[in-house]
N, C-alpha and C. Protein backbone atom coordinates (compact mmCIF):
# COMPACT_ATOMS: atom_id res chain seq x y z
N MET A 1 0.85 -1.18 0.00
CA MET A 1 0.00 0.00 0.00
C MET A 1 0.89 1.23 0.00
N THR A 2 0.68 2.11 -0.87
CA THR A 2 1.47 3.34 -0.97
C THR A 2 0.79 4.45 -0.19
N THR A 3 1.64 5.35 0.30
CA THR A 3 1.12 6.49 1.07
C THR A 3 1.00 7.68 0.14
N ALA A 4 -0.12 8.28 0.17
CA ALA A 4 -0.35 9.43 -0.70
C ALA A 4 0.50 10.60 -0.25
N ALA A 5 1.05 11.31 -1.20
CA ALA A 5 1.85 12.49 -0.87
C ALA A 5 0.98 13.55 -0.24
N ALA A 6 1.56 14.28 0.70
CA ALA A 6 0.80 15.35 1.34
C ALA A 6 0.50 16.43 0.33
N PRO A 7 -0.66 17.05 0.47
CA PRO A 7 -1.00 18.15 -0.44
C PRO A 7 0.04 19.26 -0.34
N PRO A 8 0.20 20.01 -1.42
CA PRO A 8 1.21 21.07 -1.43
C PRO A 8 1.09 22.03 -0.27
N HIS A 9 -0.15 22.40 0.13
CA HIS A 9 -0.29 23.39 1.19
C HIS A 9 0.19 22.83 2.52
N ARG A 10 0.03 21.47 2.70
CA ARG A 10 0.53 20.87 3.94
C ARG A 10 2.06 20.81 3.93
N ARG A 11 2.64 20.54 2.75
CA ARG A 11 4.09 20.52 2.66
C ARG A 11 4.66 21.90 2.98
N ARG A 12 3.99 22.95 2.49
CA ARG A 12 4.45 24.31 2.76
C ARG A 12 4.38 24.62 4.25
N ARG A 13 3.28 24.15 4.90
CA ARG A 13 3.15 24.38 6.34
C ARG A 13 4.25 23.65 7.11
N ALA A 14 4.57 22.44 6.64
CA ALA A 14 5.62 21.67 7.32
C ALA A 14 6.97 22.36 7.19
N LEU A 15 7.24 22.88 5.99
CA LEU A 15 8.50 23.58 5.78
C LEU A 15 8.57 24.84 6.63
N VAL A 16 7.46 25.54 6.75
CA VAL A 16 7.42 26.75 7.59
C VAL A 16 7.67 26.38 9.04
N ALA A 17 7.05 25.25 9.47
CA ALA A 17 7.24 24.82 10.86
C ALA A 17 8.69 24.46 11.14
N VAL A 18 9.32 23.76 10.18
CA VAL A 18 10.73 23.42 10.34
C VAL A 18 11.57 24.68 10.43
N GLY A 19 11.24 25.65 9.57
CA GLY A 19 11.98 26.91 9.59
C GLY A 19 11.83 27.64 10.91
N LEU A 20 10.63 27.62 11.47
CA LEU A 20 10.41 28.28 12.76
C LEU A 20 11.18 27.60 13.87
N VAL A 21 11.22 26.26 13.83
CA VAL A 21 11.98 25.52 14.84
C VAL A 21 13.47 25.85 14.73
N ALA A 22 13.96 25.86 13.49
CA ALA A 22 15.38 26.17 13.29
C ALA A 22 15.71 27.57 13.79
N ALA A 23 14.80 28.52 13.51
CA ALA A 23 15.03 29.88 13.96
C ALA A 23 15.03 29.95 15.48
N ALA A 24 14.13 29.19 16.11
CA ALA A 24 14.07 29.18 17.57
C ALA A 24 15.35 28.61 18.16
N LEU A 25 15.84 27.51 17.54
CA LEU A 25 17.07 26.91 18.02
C LEU A 25 18.24 27.88 17.88
N ALA A 26 18.22 28.65 16.81
CA ALA A 26 19.31 29.59 16.56
C ALA A 26 19.37 30.68 17.62
N THR A 27 18.19 30.94 18.26
CA THR A 27 18.17 32.00 19.27
C THR A 27 18.58 31.49 20.65
N ILE A 28 18.73 30.15 20.81
CA ILE A 28 19.19 29.63 22.08
C ILE A 28 20.64 30.03 22.27
N ALA A 29 20.91 30.69 23.37
CA ALA A 29 22.24 31.27 23.57
C ALA A 29 23.28 30.18 23.75
N VAL A 30 24.23 30.14 22.83
CA VAL A 30 25.42 29.31 22.99
C VAL A 30 26.53 30.26 23.38
N PRO A 31 27.09 30.12 24.57
CA PRO A 31 28.06 31.12 25.04
C PRO A 31 29.20 31.33 24.06
N THR A 32 29.44 32.59 23.74
CA THR A 32 30.59 32.92 22.90
C THR A 32 31.85 32.92 23.77
N ALA A 33 33.00 33.00 23.12
CA ALA A 33 34.25 33.04 23.87
C ALA A 33 34.26 34.24 24.81
N LEU A 34 33.74 35.39 24.32
CA LEU A 34 33.72 36.58 25.15
C LEU A 34 32.82 36.39 26.35
N GLU A 35 31.63 35.78 26.13
CA GLU A 35 30.71 35.55 27.25
C GLU A 35 31.32 34.60 28.27
N ARG A 36 32.02 33.56 27.79
CA ARG A 36 32.66 32.63 28.72
C ARG A 36 33.76 33.35 29.50
N ALA A 37 34.46 34.29 28.82
CA ALA A 37 35.51 35.04 29.48
C ALA A 37 34.93 35.92 30.59
N LEU A 38 33.81 36.60 30.29
CA LEU A 38 33.19 37.45 31.29
C LEU A 38 32.69 36.64 32.47
N ASP A 39 32.15 35.45 32.18
CA ASP A 39 31.72 34.56 33.27
C ASP A 39 32.90 34.15 34.13
N ALA A 40 34.05 33.89 33.47
CA ALA A 40 35.24 33.48 34.21
C ALA A 40 35.71 34.59 35.13
N LEU A 41 35.69 35.83 34.63
CA LEU A 41 36.09 36.95 35.47
C LEU A 41 35.13 37.16 36.62
N ALA A 42 33.83 37.04 36.34
CA ALA A 42 32.83 37.21 37.39
C ALA A 42 32.98 36.17 38.48
N SER A 43 33.52 35.02 38.11
CA SER A 43 33.72 33.94 39.09
C SER A 43 35.07 34.04 39.78
N GLY A 44 35.80 35.12 39.52
CA GLY A 44 37.07 35.31 40.20
C GLY A 44 38.27 34.74 39.46
N GLY A 45 38.09 34.36 38.20
CA GLY A 45 39.20 33.80 37.44
C GLY A 45 40.27 34.83 37.16
N SER A 46 41.51 34.39 37.11
CA SER A 46 42.61 35.30 36.84
C SER A 46 42.77 35.50 35.34
N VAL A 47 43.55 36.50 34.97
CA VAL A 47 43.80 36.75 33.56
C VAL A 47 44.56 35.60 32.92
N VAL A 48 45.49 35.01 33.67
CA VAL A 48 46.22 33.87 33.13
C VAL A 48 45.26 32.71 32.88
N GLU A 49 44.31 32.49 33.83
CA GLU A 49 43.30 31.46 33.62
C GLU A 49 42.38 31.83 32.48
N LEU A 50 42.09 33.13 32.38
CA LEU A 50 41.20 33.63 31.34
C LEU A 50 41.74 33.35 29.95
N SER A 51 43.06 33.33 29.81
CA SER A 51 43.65 33.12 28.49
C SER A 51 43.31 31.73 27.95
N ARG A 52 42.93 30.81 28.85
CA ARG A 52 42.51 29.49 28.38
C ARG A 52 41.14 29.56 27.71
N VAL A 53 40.33 30.55 28.15
CA VAL A 53 38.98 30.70 27.62
C VAL A 53 38.94 31.64 26.44
N LEU A 54 39.71 32.70 26.53
CA LEU A 54 39.68 33.74 25.51
C LEU A 54 41.10 34.05 25.06
N PRO A 55 41.68 33.25 24.19
CA PRO A 55 43.04 33.53 23.72
C PRO A 55 43.10 34.88 23.04
N ILE A 56 44.15 35.64 23.31
CA ILE A 56 44.32 36.94 22.67
C ILE A 56 45.27 36.77 21.50
N GLY A 57 44.75 36.91 20.31
CA GLY A 57 45.56 36.68 19.13
C GLY A 57 46.07 35.25 19.13
N ASP A 58 47.32 35.10 18.76
CA ASP A 58 47.93 33.77 18.75
C ASP A 58 48.90 33.60 19.92
N ALA A 59 48.83 34.51 20.89
CA ALA A 59 49.77 34.46 22.01
C ALA A 59 49.51 33.22 22.85
N ALA A 60 50.58 32.54 23.20
CA ALA A 60 50.46 31.36 24.04
C ALA A 60 50.32 31.80 25.50
N GLU A 61 49.67 30.97 26.27
CA GLU A 61 49.51 31.24 27.69
C GLU A 61 50.88 31.23 28.36
N PRO A 62 51.19 32.23 29.20
CA PRO A 62 52.48 32.24 29.88
C PRO A 62 52.70 30.97 30.68
N GLY A 63 53.92 30.46 30.64
CA GLY A 63 54.23 29.22 31.35
C GLY A 63 55.58 29.31 32.04
N VAL A 64 56.15 28.15 32.32
CA VAL A 64 57.42 28.08 33.02
C VAL A 64 58.51 28.83 32.28
N ASP A 65 58.51 28.75 30.96
CA ASP A 65 59.52 29.44 30.17
C ASP A 65 59.40 30.96 30.26
N ASP A 66 58.25 31.43 30.74
CA ASP A 66 58.05 32.87 30.93
C ASP A 66 58.36 33.31 32.36
N GLY A 67 58.74 32.36 33.21
CA GLY A 67 59.08 32.71 34.58
C GLY A 67 58.05 32.30 35.61
N LEU A 68 56.98 31.63 35.19
CA LEU A 68 56.00 31.14 36.16
C LEU A 68 56.61 30.03 37.01
N LEU A 69 56.16 29.94 38.25
CA LEU A 69 56.56 28.86 39.14
C LEU A 69 55.30 28.07 39.47
N PRO A 70 54.89 27.15 38.59
CA PRO A 70 53.60 26.47 38.74
C PRO A 70 53.50 25.62 39.98
N ASP A 71 54.62 25.19 40.54
CA ASP A 71 54.58 24.34 41.72
C ASP A 71 54.84 25.11 43.00
N GLY A 72 54.72 26.42 42.95
CA GLY A 72 54.91 27.22 44.15
C GLY A 72 56.34 27.69 44.31
N PRO A 73 56.67 28.25 45.49
CA PRO A 73 58.01 28.79 45.74
C PRO A 73 59.11 27.76 45.49
N VAL A 74 60.27 28.25 45.07
CA VAL A 74 61.39 27.36 44.78
C VAL A 74 62.65 27.86 45.47
N SER A 75 63.65 27.01 45.53
CA SER A 75 64.95 27.35 46.07
C SER A 75 65.67 28.34 45.15
N PRO A 76 66.52 29.20 45.71
CA PRO A 76 67.33 30.08 44.86
C PRO A 76 68.29 29.30 43.96
N TYR A 77 68.42 28.01 44.21
CA TYR A 77 69.29 27.17 43.38
C TYR A 77 68.51 26.38 42.33
N ALA A 78 67.20 26.57 42.25
CA ALA A 78 66.38 25.82 41.30
C ALA A 78 66.80 26.12 39.86
N ASP A 79 66.76 25.09 39.03
CA ASP A 79 67.14 25.25 37.62
C ASP A 79 65.88 25.51 36.79
N VAL A 80 65.32 26.69 36.96
CA VAL A 80 64.14 27.11 36.21
C VAL A 80 64.38 28.52 35.69
N PRO A 81 63.73 28.93 34.60
CA PRO A 81 63.99 30.24 34.03
C PRO A 81 63.81 31.41 35.00
N ALA A 82 62.85 31.29 35.92
CA ALA A 82 62.63 32.37 36.89
C ALA A 82 63.87 32.65 37.72
N ILE A 83 64.69 31.61 37.92
CA ILE A 83 65.92 31.76 38.69
C ILE A 83 67.11 32.02 37.78
N THR A 84 67.28 31.18 36.78
CA THR A 84 68.45 31.31 35.90
C THR A 84 68.40 32.57 35.06
N GLY A 85 67.21 33.16 34.91
CA GLY A 85 67.07 34.40 34.14
C GLY A 85 67.44 35.65 34.92
N LEU A 86 67.70 35.50 36.23
CA LEU A 86 68.09 36.66 37.03
C LEU A 86 69.48 37.15 36.62
N ALA A 87 69.71 38.43 36.80
CA ALA A 87 71.04 39.00 36.52
C ALA A 87 72.07 38.26 37.36
N PRO A 88 73.23 37.93 36.80
CA PRO A 88 74.22 37.12 37.52
C PRO A 88 74.61 37.69 38.89
N ASP A 89 74.82 39.00 39.00
CA ASP A 89 75.20 39.58 40.28
C ASP A 89 74.09 39.44 41.32
N LEU A 90 72.86 39.63 40.88
CA LEU A 90 71.72 39.49 41.78
C LEU A 90 71.58 38.04 42.24
N LEU A 91 71.72 37.11 41.30
CA LEU A 91 71.59 35.70 41.63
C LEU A 91 72.67 35.26 42.61
N ALA A 92 73.90 35.71 42.40
CA ALA A 92 74.99 35.35 43.30
C ALA A 92 74.73 35.90 44.70
N ALA A 93 74.26 37.14 44.79
CA ALA A 93 73.96 37.74 46.09
C ALA A 93 72.81 37.01 46.77
N LEU A 94 71.78 36.68 46.00
CA LEU A 94 70.63 35.97 46.55
C LEU A 94 71.04 34.63 47.13
N ARG A 95 71.86 33.89 46.41
CA ARG A 95 72.27 32.57 46.89
C ARG A 95 73.16 32.68 48.12
N ALA A 96 74.07 33.64 48.13
CA ALA A 96 74.94 33.82 49.29
C ALA A 96 74.13 34.21 50.52
N ALA A 97 73.16 35.11 50.34
CA ALA A 97 72.33 35.54 51.46
C ALA A 97 71.44 34.40 51.95
N SER A 98 70.90 33.61 51.02
CA SER A 98 70.03 32.49 51.43
C SER A 98 70.82 31.44 52.19
N ASP A 99 72.09 31.25 51.83
CA ASP A 99 72.95 30.32 52.57
C ASP A 99 73.17 30.82 54.00
N ALA A 100 73.38 32.12 54.14
CA ALA A 100 73.56 32.69 55.47
C ALA A 100 72.28 32.58 56.29
N ALA A 101 71.15 32.79 55.64
CA ALA A 101 69.87 32.66 56.33
C ALA A 101 69.66 31.22 56.80
N ALA A 102 70.02 30.28 55.96
CA ALA A 102 69.89 28.86 56.33
C ALA A 102 70.73 28.54 57.55
N ALA A 103 71.92 29.15 57.64
CA ALA A 103 72.78 28.95 58.80
C ALA A 103 72.13 29.49 60.07
N ASP A 104 71.22 30.46 59.91
CA ASP A 104 70.47 31.02 61.03
C ASP A 104 69.16 30.27 61.26
N GLY A 105 68.95 29.21 60.50
CA GLY A 105 67.73 28.43 60.65
C GLY A 105 66.52 28.99 59.93
N VAL A 106 66.76 29.88 58.97
CA VAL A 106 65.67 30.51 58.22
C VAL A 106 65.77 30.10 56.75
N GLU A 107 64.67 29.62 56.20
CA GLU A 107 64.64 29.24 54.78
C GLU A 107 64.17 30.41 53.94
N VAL A 108 64.96 30.75 52.95
CA VAL A 108 64.58 31.78 51.98
C VAL A 108 64.20 31.07 50.68
N VAL A 109 63.00 31.34 50.18
CA VAL A 109 62.56 30.78 48.91
C VAL A 109 62.22 31.91 47.96
N VAL A 110 62.08 31.57 46.71
CA VAL A 110 61.75 32.57 45.68
C VAL A 110 60.31 32.37 45.25
N ASN A 111 59.53 33.44 45.37
CA ASN A 111 58.15 33.42 44.91
C ASN A 111 58.03 33.88 43.46
N SER A 112 58.96 34.72 43.04
CA SER A 112 58.97 35.20 41.66
C SER A 112 60.33 35.81 41.39
N GLY A 113 60.84 35.57 40.20
CA GLY A 113 62.13 36.12 39.82
C GLY A 113 62.04 36.79 38.47
N TRP A 114 62.84 36.28 37.52
CA TRP A 114 62.75 36.81 36.17
C TRP A 114 61.38 36.49 35.58
N ARG A 115 60.84 37.43 34.81
CA ARG A 115 59.57 37.22 34.11
C ARG A 115 59.71 37.72 32.67
N SER A 116 59.05 37.04 31.77
CA SER A 116 58.99 37.55 30.40
C SER A 116 58.05 38.74 30.36
N ALA A 117 58.14 39.52 29.28
CA ALA A 117 57.23 40.65 29.12
C ALA A 117 55.79 40.17 29.05
N ALA A 118 55.58 39.00 28.44
CA ALA A 118 54.22 38.46 28.31
C ALA A 118 53.64 38.14 29.69
N LEU A 119 54.44 37.52 30.55
CA LEU A 119 53.96 37.20 31.89
C LEU A 119 53.71 38.47 32.69
N GLN A 120 54.61 39.44 32.57
CA GLN A 120 54.43 40.69 33.30
C GLN A 120 53.14 41.38 32.87
N GLN A 121 52.85 41.37 31.58
CA GLN A 121 51.62 42.00 31.08
C GLN A 121 50.40 41.25 31.60
N ALA A 122 50.46 39.92 31.61
CA ALA A 122 49.34 39.14 32.13
C ALA A 122 49.10 39.45 33.60
N MET A 123 50.18 39.60 34.37
CA MET A 123 50.04 39.93 35.79
C MET A 123 49.48 41.33 35.98
N LEU A 124 49.88 42.27 35.12
CA LEU A 124 49.34 43.62 35.19
C LEU A 124 47.86 43.62 34.86
N ASP A 125 47.48 42.89 33.81
CA ASP A 125 46.07 42.81 33.43
C ASP A 125 45.24 42.22 34.57
N GLU A 126 45.79 41.20 35.22
CA GLU A 126 45.09 40.58 36.34
C GLU A 126 44.96 41.55 37.51
N ALA A 127 46.02 42.33 37.75
CA ALA A 127 45.99 43.31 38.84
C ALA A 127 44.94 44.39 38.58
N ILE A 128 44.76 44.79 37.32
CA ILE A 128 43.75 45.79 36.98
C ILE A 128 42.37 45.26 37.33
N VAL A 129 42.13 43.98 37.03
CA VAL A 129 40.85 43.36 37.38
C VAL A 129 40.70 43.30 38.90
N THR A 130 41.77 42.91 39.59
CA THR A 130 41.72 42.75 41.04
C THR A 130 41.50 44.07 41.77
N TYR A 131 42.25 45.11 41.36
CA TYR A 131 42.21 46.38 42.07
C TYR A 131 41.24 47.39 41.49
N GLY A 132 40.69 47.09 40.33
CA GLY A 132 39.61 47.91 39.80
C GLY A 132 40.02 49.06 38.91
N SER A 133 41.31 49.34 38.80
CA SER A 133 41.76 50.43 37.92
C SER A 133 43.23 50.25 37.60
N ALA A 134 43.64 50.81 36.49
CA ALA A 134 45.05 50.74 36.09
C ALA A 134 45.92 51.52 37.07
N GLU A 135 45.39 52.63 37.59
CA GLU A 135 46.17 53.46 38.51
C GLU A 135 46.48 52.70 39.80
N GLU A 136 45.49 52.03 40.37
CA GLU A 136 45.72 51.28 41.61
C GLU A 136 46.58 50.06 41.35
N ALA A 137 46.36 49.39 40.22
CA ALA A 137 47.15 48.20 39.89
C ALA A 137 48.63 48.55 39.76
N ALA A 138 48.92 49.76 39.24
CA ALA A 138 50.31 50.17 39.03
C ALA A 138 51.08 50.30 40.33
N ARG A 139 50.38 50.40 41.46
CA ARG A 139 51.07 50.46 42.75
C ARG A 139 51.66 49.11 43.14
N TRP A 140 51.22 48.06 42.44
CA TRP A 140 51.65 46.71 42.81
C TRP A 140 52.35 45.97 41.67
N VAL A 141 52.00 46.29 40.45
CA VAL A 141 52.58 45.59 39.30
C VAL A 141 52.97 46.62 38.24
N SER A 142 54.24 46.61 37.87
CA SER A 142 54.73 47.56 36.87
C SER A 142 54.42 47.07 35.45
N THR A 143 54.53 47.97 34.51
CA THR A 143 54.39 47.59 33.11
C THR A 143 55.62 46.79 32.68
N PRO A 144 55.52 46.03 31.60
CA PRO A 144 56.69 45.28 31.12
C PRO A 144 57.89 46.18 30.84
N ASP A 145 57.66 47.41 30.39
CA ASP A 145 58.76 48.32 30.08
C ASP A 145 59.45 48.85 31.33
N GLU A 146 58.76 48.83 32.46
CA GLU A 146 59.31 49.42 33.68
C GLU A 146 59.69 48.39 34.73
N SER A 147 59.28 47.14 34.55
CA SER A 147 59.49 46.14 35.57
C SER A 147 60.94 45.67 35.66
N ALA A 148 61.49 45.67 36.87
CA ALA A 148 62.84 45.13 37.08
C ALA A 148 62.84 43.61 37.00
N HIS A 149 61.66 42.99 37.13
CA HIS A 149 61.59 41.54 36.98
C HIS A 149 61.88 41.13 35.53
N VAL A 150 61.41 41.93 34.59
CA VAL A 150 61.59 41.61 33.17
C VAL A 150 63.06 41.67 32.77
N THR A 151 63.81 42.57 33.39
CA THR A 151 65.23 42.66 33.08
C THR A 151 66.07 41.72 33.94
N GLY A 152 65.42 41.01 34.86
CA GLY A 152 66.15 40.08 35.73
C GLY A 152 66.80 40.75 36.91
N ASP A 153 66.37 41.97 37.24
CA ASP A 153 67.01 42.75 38.30
C ASP A 153 66.19 42.81 39.58
N ALA A 154 65.19 41.94 39.73
CA ALA A 154 64.38 41.93 40.95
C ALA A 154 63.99 40.50 41.28
N VAL A 155 63.81 40.25 42.58
CA VAL A 155 63.38 38.94 43.04
C VAL A 155 62.43 39.12 44.22
N ASP A 156 61.37 38.32 44.24
CA ASP A 156 60.42 38.32 45.35
C ASP A 156 60.70 37.09 46.19
N VAL A 157 60.99 37.31 47.47
CA VAL A 157 61.36 36.19 48.34
C VAL A 157 60.28 35.90 49.36
N GLY A 158 60.31 34.72 49.90
CA GLY A 158 59.38 34.27 50.94
C GLY A 158 60.08 33.21 51.76
N GLY A 159 59.34 32.56 52.68
CA GLY A 159 58.07 32.99 53.24
C GLY A 159 58.25 34.26 54.05
N TRP A 160 57.35 34.43 55.04
CA TRP A 160 57.40 35.65 55.80
C TRP A 160 58.70 35.75 56.59
N ASP A 161 59.15 34.63 57.17
CA ASP A 161 60.41 34.63 57.91
C ASP A 161 61.58 34.95 56.99
N GLY A 162 61.54 34.39 55.78
CA GLY A 162 62.61 34.62 54.82
C GLY A 162 62.67 36.07 54.38
N ALA A 163 61.50 36.66 54.10
CA ALA A 163 61.46 38.07 53.69
C ALA A 163 61.90 38.97 54.84
N ASP A 164 61.49 38.63 56.06
CA ASP A 164 61.87 39.42 57.22
C ASP A 164 63.39 39.36 57.43
N TRP A 165 63.95 38.15 57.32
CA TRP A 165 65.40 38.00 57.48
C TRP A 165 66.14 38.80 56.42
N MET A 166 65.66 38.71 55.20
CA MET A 166 66.32 39.43 54.10
C MET A 166 66.22 40.94 54.30
N GLY A 167 65.07 41.39 54.82
CA GLY A 167 64.91 42.82 55.06
C GLY A 167 65.86 43.35 56.12
N ARG A 168 66.24 42.49 57.08
CA ARG A 168 67.14 42.92 58.15
C ARG A 168 68.61 42.69 57.84
N HIS A 169 68.89 41.67 57.02
CA HIS A 169 70.30 41.30 56.79
C HIS A 169 70.76 41.39 55.34
N GLY A 170 69.82 41.53 54.41
CA GLY A 170 70.19 41.48 52.99
C GLY A 170 71.15 42.55 52.56
N TRP A 171 71.18 43.68 53.29
CA TRP A 171 72.06 44.78 52.91
C TRP A 171 73.52 44.34 52.80
N ALA A 172 73.90 43.32 53.60
CA ALA A 172 75.30 42.87 53.59
C ALA A 172 75.72 42.32 52.23
N TRP A 173 74.75 41.91 51.45
CA TRP A 173 75.01 41.42 50.08
C TRP A 173 74.48 42.40 49.04
N GLY A 174 74.08 43.58 49.48
CA GLY A 174 73.54 44.59 48.57
C GLY A 174 72.08 44.34 48.21
N LEU A 175 71.41 43.43 48.92
CA LEU A 175 70.01 43.12 48.63
C LEU A 175 69.12 44.02 49.47
N CYS A 176 68.33 44.85 48.81
CA CYS A 176 67.52 45.84 49.52
C CYS A 176 66.06 45.78 49.09
N GLN A 177 65.18 45.95 50.07
CA GLN A 177 63.77 46.13 49.77
C GLN A 177 63.61 47.50 49.12
N THR A 178 62.99 47.54 47.96
CA THR A 178 62.94 48.80 47.23
C THR A 178 61.61 49.53 47.33
N TYR A 179 60.53 48.82 47.69
CA TYR A 179 59.21 49.45 47.81
C TYR A 179 58.65 49.19 49.21
N ALA A 180 58.18 50.25 49.86
CA ALA A 180 57.66 50.11 51.21
C ALA A 180 56.43 49.21 51.28
N ASN A 181 55.68 49.13 50.20
CA ASN A 181 54.47 48.31 50.23
C ASN A 181 54.70 46.87 49.78
N GLU A 182 55.95 46.50 49.50
CA GLU A 182 56.25 45.13 49.07
C GLU A 182 57.45 44.63 49.85
N SER A 183 57.19 44.03 51.00
CA SER A 183 58.28 43.58 51.87
C SER A 183 59.05 42.39 51.29
N TRP A 184 58.53 41.83 50.22
CA TRP A 184 59.14 40.65 49.59
C TRP A 184 60.00 40.98 48.38
N HIS A 185 59.95 42.21 47.90
CA HIS A 185 60.59 42.60 46.64
C HIS A 185 61.98 43.18 46.91
N PHE A 186 63.00 42.52 46.34
CA PHE A 186 64.39 42.96 46.58
C PHE A 186 65.12 43.17 45.26
N GLU A 187 65.95 44.19 45.27
CA GLU A 187 66.82 44.49 44.14
C GLU A 187 68.23 44.71 44.67
N LEU A 188 69.18 44.65 43.77
CA LEU A 188 70.59 44.80 44.17
C LEU A 188 70.94 46.28 44.26
N ARG A 189 71.43 46.67 45.43
CA ARG A 189 71.87 48.05 45.66
C ARG A 189 73.28 47.98 46.28
N PRO A 190 74.33 47.95 45.46
CA PRO A 190 75.69 47.81 45.97
C PRO A 190 76.10 48.90 46.94
N GLU A 191 75.40 50.03 46.90
CA GLU A 191 75.77 51.14 47.79
C GLU A 191 75.31 50.93 49.23
N ALA A 192 74.56 49.84 49.50
CA ALA A 192 74.11 49.56 50.86
C ALA A 192 75.31 49.27 51.76
N VAL A 193 75.41 49.98 52.89
CA VAL A 193 76.55 49.80 53.81
C VAL A 193 76.08 49.96 55.25
N ASP A 194 76.84 49.37 56.16
CA ASP A 194 76.63 49.56 57.59
C ASP A 194 75.19 49.35 58.04
N GLY A 195 74.58 48.29 57.52
CA GLY A 195 73.22 47.96 57.96
C GLY A 195 72.14 48.80 57.34
N ALA A 196 72.45 49.61 56.36
CA ALA A 196 71.46 50.52 55.78
C ALA A 196 71.40 50.38 54.27
N CYS A 197 70.17 50.34 53.78
CA CYS A 197 69.92 50.37 52.34
C CYS A 197 69.46 51.78 51.95
N PRO A 198 69.50 52.12 50.67
CA PRO A 198 68.98 53.42 50.24
C PRO A 198 67.50 53.55 50.60
N PRO A 199 66.99 54.75 50.72
CA PRO A 199 65.58 54.95 51.04
C PRO A 199 64.68 54.25 50.03
N MET A 200 63.58 53.69 50.53
CA MET A 200 62.62 52.99 49.67
C MET A 200 61.62 53.97 49.07
N ALA A 201 61.12 53.63 47.89
CA ALA A 201 59.97 54.34 47.32
C ALA A 201 58.72 53.76 47.98
N SER A 202 57.67 54.54 48.06
CA SER A 202 56.44 54.04 48.69
C SER A 202 55.81 52.90 47.91
N ASP A 203 55.94 52.94 46.59
CA ASP A 203 55.44 51.89 45.72
C ASP A 203 56.05 52.10 44.34
N PRO A 204 55.82 51.18 43.39
CA PRO A 204 56.45 51.33 42.07
C PRO A 204 56.14 52.63 41.34
N THR A 205 54.94 53.20 41.58
CA THR A 205 54.60 54.44 40.89
C THR A 205 55.46 55.60 41.37
N ALA A 206 55.90 55.55 42.61
CA ALA A 206 56.71 56.63 43.15
C ALA A 206 58.17 56.51 42.77
N ALA A 207 58.52 55.38 42.17
CA ALA A 207 59.92 55.14 41.79
C ALA A 207 60.24 55.69 40.41
N HIS A 208 59.20 56.14 39.69
CA HIS A 208 59.43 56.58 38.30
C HIS A 208 59.13 58.08 38.19
């Protein structure tokens, strides 16, 4: 038994119905990359995490080769770019000071050392999100052009005991805290003598 073809007007109605369904499906929101990025930020995601959702151009996400320490603080002797990328004089002073701290029973670790320009920019972008403005973020994170981390001339040390020890004794190796609001940030100041480092800037914005 054959089935009679539907009359033309019914076929037209069916096609219209299919078209309406397709149009309705097209209006169901499928999150775009930008929408997923905004959701990630609203949920507290960092800019580095955000790059997984919303890649900017063809730039790769900053990694270990850019100076990230994915496994947390490391020894000043660690063989990673964040350490080996430091200026030789700074690295030598850091290691000598950390050895002296160890003799005093204090462990000095590195929270951040050399950074690529890409990593520095990602950290600045994240700071802008965190602090709400570029002006406030600049008090904590410098631009790639101004950062001493990018040139390998700065190191952030920890933990709290390590940073405290370095703040009191680092001058003997020329290691000085350079910003009053960052007790962990040290740069090489060979002019430090007799227990005293040069005066600190209040924050990175006051240093320029």
